[in-house]
Amino acid sequence: MTTPPRVLFVCVKNGGKSQMAAGLMSDLAGDSIDAVSAGTKPGISLNQLSVQSLDELGIDISHGSPKPVNEADLEAADIVITLGREATVEVPSGTELENWDTNEPSERGIEGIERMRLVRDDIRRRVEKLHSRLVS
């Protein structure tokens, strides 16, 4: 039995985008991909609109909590995905690093749950592409 690829999703606060990405990947991939998330400057709670937007898809991330990126997570990851422009990490040699400069509807005046649905859908499309790449 082989170990599934491990993806580490990183954003700044680990309360929204990276939690959503890990939740979406876990839902899509099941045990075929190990998806975890962390933040460069983690907040104290999950973004409730992020939780609500995934709940609309039947995905429950409500029991998660923000946690910091640590060396063990970086070492264990096969690929590290940073979400947004502000999250930056140094990855070990041989670890793939990819940045997803995600859709930010607030730059167009879109807020609230409508904003979060657009962010979720952008991340979901990217997760689906990554999943296809990792399992092929």
C-alpha atoms as a PDB file:
ATOM      1  CA  MET A   1       0.000   0.000   0.000  1.00  0.00           C
ATOM      2  CA  THR A   2       1.376   3.424  -0.939  1.00  0.00           C
ATOM      3  CA  THR A   3       1.053   6.582   1.076  1.00  0.00           C
ATOM      4  CA  PRO A   4      -1.369   9.093  -0.444  1.00  0.00           C
ATOM      5  CA  PRO A   5       0.053  12.408  -1.628  1.00  0.00           C
ATOM      6  CA  ARG A   6      -0.053  15.062   1.096  1.00  0.00           C
ATOM      7  CA  VAL A   7      -1.177  18.576   0.205  1.00  0.00           C
ATOM      8  CA  LEU A   8      -0.649  21.459   2.611  1.00  0.00           C
ATOM      9  CA  PHE A   9      -2.919  24.444   1.926  1.00  0.00           C
ATOM     10  CA  VAL A  10      -1.643  27.695   3.451  1.00  0.00           C
ATOM     11  CA  CYS A  11      -3.215  31.119   3.820  1.00  0.00           C
ATOM     12  CA  VAL A  12      -2.481  33.856   6.325  1.00  0.00           C
ATOM     13  CA  LYS A  13      -5.123  33.327   9.039  1.00  0.00           C
ATOM     14  CA  ASN A  14      -6.051  29.684   8.310  1.00  0.00           C
ATOM     15  CA  GLY A  15      -9.643  30.620   9.015  1.00  0.00           C
ATOM     16  CA  GLY A  16     -11.056  30.723   5.494  1.00  0.00           C
ATOM     17  CA  LYS A  17      -9.409  29.945   2.169  1.00  0.00           C
ATOM     18  CA  SER A  18      -6.947  27.251   3.244  1.00  0.00           C
ATOM     19  CA  GLN A  19      -9.573  25.566   5.439  1.00  0.00           C
ATOM     20  CA  MET A  20     -12.005  25.622   2.508  1.00  0.00           C
ATOM     21  CA  ALA A  21      -9.401  24.158   0.144  1.00  0.00           C
ATOM     22  CA  ALA A  22      -8.549  21.324   2.544  1.00  0.00           C
ATOM     23  CA  GLY A  23     -12.253  20.614   3.130  1.00  0.00           C
ATOM     24  CA  LEU A  24     -13.015  20.591  -0.579  1.00  0.00           C
ATOM     25  CA  MET A  25     -10.051  18.315  -1.332  1.00  0.00           C
ATOM     26  CA  SER A  26     -10.909  15.915   1.492  1.00  0.00           C
ATOM     27  CA  ASP A  27     -14.499  15.716   0.281  1.00  0.00           C
ATOM     28  CA  LEU A  28     -13.452  15.120  -3.329  1.00  0.00           C
ATOM     29  CA  ALA A  29     -10.486  12.805  -2.754  1.00  0.00           C
ATOM     30  CA  GLY A  30     -11.472  10.840   0.325  1.00  0.00           C
ATOM     31  CA  ASP A  31      -8.445   8.797   1.414  1.00  0.00           C
ATOM     32  CA  SER A  32      -6.644   9.131  -1.930  1.00  0.00           C
ATOM     33  CA  ILE A  33      -5.093  12.492  -0.939  1.00  0.00           C
ATOM     34  CA  ASP A  34      -4.139  13.712   2.533  1.00  0.00           C
ATOM     35  CA  ALA A  35      -5.220  17.384   2.700  1.00  0.00           C
ATOM     36  CA  VAL A  36      -4.257  19.631   5.611  1.00  0.00           C
ATOM     37  CA  SER A  37      -4.195  23.385   6.161  1.00  0.00           C
ATOM     38  CA  ALA A  38      -2.283  25.953   8.174  1.00  0.00           C
ATOM     39  CA  GLY A  39      -1.687  29.693   8.408  1.00  0.00           C
ATOM     40  CA  THR A  40       1.329  31.966   8.401  1.00  0.00           C
ATOM     41  CA  LYS A  41      -0.314  34.156  11.075  1.00  0.00           C
ATOM     42  CA  PRO A  42      -3.271  32.083  12.237  1.00  0.00           C
ATOM     43  CA  GLY A  43      -6.327  33.769  13.644  1.00  0.00           C
ATOM     44  CA  ILE A  44      -8.408  32.553  16.559  1.00  0.00           C
ATOM     45  CA  SER A  45     -11.459  31.141  14.764  1.00  0.00           C
ATOM     46  CA  LEU A  46     -12.808  29.993  11.432  1.00  0.00           C
ATOM     47  CA  ASN A  47     -14.489  32.461   9.116  1.00  0.00           C
ATOM     48  CA  GLN A  48     -18.158  31.593   9.609  1.00  0.00           C
ATOM     49  CA  LEU A  49     -19.037  32.557   6.037  1.00  0.00           C
ATOM     50  CA  SER A  50     -16.417  30.048   4.826  1.00  0.00           C
ATOM     51  CA  VAL A  51     -18.013  27.411   7.041  1.00  0.00           C
ATOM     52  CA  GLN A  52     -21.486  28.323   5.745  1.00  0.00           C
ATOM     53  CA  SER A  53     -20.420  28.285   2.078  1.00  0.00           C
ATOM     54  CA  LEU A  54     -19.053  24.732   2.393  1.00  0.00           C
ATOM     55  CA  ASP A  55     -22.037  23.624   4.455  1.00  0.00           C
ATOM     56  CA  GLU A  56     -24.160  24.542   1.416  1.00  0.00           C
ATOM     57  CA  LEU A  57     -22.269  21.763  -0.425  1.00  0.00           C
ATOM     58  CA  GLY A  58     -22.691  19.293   2.431  1.00  0.00           C
ATOM     59  CA  ILE A  59     -19.096  19.728   3.636  1.00  0.00           C
ATOM     60  CA  ASP A  60     -18.631  20.348   7.362  1.00  0.00           C
ATOM     61  CA  ILE A  61     -15.439  22.182   8.383  1.00  0.00           C
ATOM     62  CA  SER A  62     -16.994  23.707  11.497  1.00  0.00           C
ATOM     63  CA  HIS A  63     -14.897  21.634  13.916  1.00  0.00           C
ATOM     64  CA  GLY A  64     -11.582  22.881  12.508  1.00  0.00           C
ATOM     65  CA  SER A  65      -9.471  25.581  14.094  1.00  0.00           C
ATOM     66  CA  PRO A  66      -6.693  27.820  12.799  1.00  0.00           C
ATOM     67  CA  LYS A  67      -3.187  26.469  13.317  1.00  0.00           C
ATOM     68  CA  PRO A  68       0.273  27.708  12.394  1.00  0.00           C
ATOM     69  CA  VAL A  69       2.450  26.357   9.614  1.00  0.00           C
ATOM     70  CA  ASN A  70       5.237  24.283  11.172  1.00  0.00           C
ATOM     71  CA  GLU A  71       8.341  22.536   9.902  1.00  0.00           C
ATOM     72  CA  ALA A  72       6.827  19.064  10.320  1.00  0.00           C
ATOM     73  CA  ASP A  73       3.878  19.979   8.056  1.00  0.00           C
ATOM     74  CA  LEU A  74       6.210  21.448   5.449  1.00  0.00           C
ATOM     75  CA  GLU A  75       8.494  18.395   5.574  1.00  0.00           C
ATOM     76  CA  ALA A  76       5.560  15.970   5.255  1.00  0.00           C
ATOM     77  CA  ALA A  77       3.954  17.784   2.305  1.00  0.00           C
ATOM     78  CA  ASP A  78       4.407  16.643  -1.269  1.00  0.00           C
ATOM     79  CA  ILE A  79       2.945  19.913  -2.472  1.00  0.00           C
ATOM     80  CA  VAL A  80       2.333  23.210  -0.679  1.00  0.00           C
ATOM     81  CA  ILE A  81      -0.372  25.510  -2.054  1.00  0.00           C
ATOM     82  CA  THR A  82      -0.457  29.115  -0.854  1.00  0.00           C
ATOM     83  CA  LEU A  83      -3.786  30.869  -1.281  1.00  0.00           C
ATOM     84  CA  GLY A  84      -3.744  34.610  -1.849  1.00  0.00           C
ATOM     85  CA  ARG A  85      -0.940  37.097  -2.267  1.00  0.00           C
ATOM     86  CA  GLU A  86       0.080  37.525   1.368  1.00  0.00           C
ATOM     87  CA  ALA A  87       0.809  33.932   2.430  1.00  0.00           C
ATOM     88  CA  THR A  88       4.429  33.013   1.814  1.00  0.00           C
ATOM     89  CA  VAL A  89       6.412  30.015   3.035  1.00  0.00           C
ATOM     90  CA  GLU A  90       9.801  28.444   2.440  1.00  0.00           C
ATOM     91  CA  VAL A  91       9.466  24.808   1.430  1.00  0.00           C
ATOM     92  CA  PRO A  92      12.070  22.064   1.749  1.00  0.00           C
ATOM     93  CA  SER A  93      14.084  21.127  -1.313  1.00  0.00           C
ATOM     94  CA  GLY A  94      12.086  18.773  -3.518  1.00  0.00           C
ATOM     95  CA  THR A  95       8.690  19.976  -2.270  1.00  0.00           C
ATOM     96  CA  GLU A  96       6.493  21.520  -4.923  1.00  0.00           C
ATOM     97  CA  LEU A  97       5.217  25.046  -4.154  1.00  0.00           C
ATOM     98  CA  GLU A  98       2.297  26.589  -5.999  1.00  0.00           C
ATOM     99  CA  ASN A  99       0.459  29.870  -5.435  1.00  0.00           C
ATOM    100  CA  TRP A 100      -3.235  30.267  -6.097  1.00  0.00           C
ATOM    101  CA  ASP A 101      -3.942  33.982  -6.403  1.00  0.00           C
ATOM    102  CA  THR A 102      -7.594  33.444  -5.689  1.00  0.00           C
ATOM    103  CA  ASN A 103     -10.570  35.443  -6.888  1.00  0.00           C
ATOM    104  CA  GLU A 104     -11.191  38.331  -4.487  1.00  0.00           C
ATOM    105  CA  PRO A 105     -14.729  39.632  -5.042  1.00  0.00           C
ATOM    106  CA  SER A 106     -14.348  42.269  -2.315  1.00  0.00           C
ATOM    107  CA  GLU A 107     -12.093  44.154  -4.763  1.00  0.00           C
ATOM    108  CA  ARG A 108     -15.240  44.501  -6.888  1.00  0.00           C
ATOM    109  CA  GLY A 109     -17.484  45.513  -3.974  1.00  0.00           C
ATOM    110  CA  ILE A 110     -18.988  42.042  -3.457  1.00  0.00           C
ATOM    111  CA  GLU A 111     -19.252  41.121   0.225  1.00  0.00           C
ATOM    112  CA  GLY A 112     -20.918  38.669   2.607  1.00  0.00           C
ATOM    113  CA  ILE A 113     -22.015  35.186   1.641  1.00  0.00           C
ATOM    114  CA  GLU A 114     -22.126  36.139  -2.058  1.00  0.00           C
ATOM    115  CA  ARG A 115     -18.400  36.952  -1.855  1.00  0.00           C
ATOM    116  CA  MET A 116     -17.642  33.698  -0.061  1.00  0.00           C
ATOM    117  CA  ARG A 117     -19.529  31.606  -2.605  1.00  0.00           C
ATOM    118  CA  LEU A 118     -17.431  33.122  -5.411  1.00  0.00           C
ATOM    119  CA  VAL A 119     -14.216  32.465  -3.455  1.00  0.00           C
ATOM    120  CA  ARG A 120     -15.372  28.904  -2.713  1.00  0.00           C
ATOM    121  CA  ASP A 121     -16.208  28.228  -6.354  1.00  0.00           C
ATOM    122  CA  ASP A 122     -12.808  29.542  -7.499  1.00  0.00           C
ATOM    123  CA  ILE A 123     -11.014  27.340  -4.967  1.00  0.00           C
ATOM    124  CA  ARG A 124     -13.220  24.377  -5.859  1.00  0.00           C
ATOM    125  CA  ARG A 125     -12.252  24.584  -9.560  1.00  0.00           C
ATOM    126  CA  ARG A 126      -8.565  24.716  -8.612  1.00  0.00           C
ATOM    127  CA  VAL A 127      -8.922  21.795  -6.176  1.00  0.00           C
ATOM    128  CA  GLU A 128     -10.601  19.708  -8.880  1.00  0.00           C
ATOM    129  CA  LYS A 129      -7.709  20.397 -11.298  1.00  0.00           C
ATOM    130  CA  LEU A 130      -5.120  19.595  -8.619  1.00  0.00           C
ATOM    131  CA  HIS A 131      -6.949  16.395  -7.695  1.00  0.00           C
ATOM    132  CA  SER A 132      -6.967  15.257 -11.339  1.00  0.00           C
ATOM    133  CA  ARG A 133      -3.254  15.979 -11.618  1.00  0.00           C
ATOM    134  CA  LEU A 134      -2.370  14.120  -8.407  1.00  0.00           C
ATOM    135  CA  VAL A 135      -4.392  10.981  -9.077  1.00  0.00           C
ATOM    136  CA  SER A 136      -3.434  10.565 -12.742  1.00  0.00           C
END
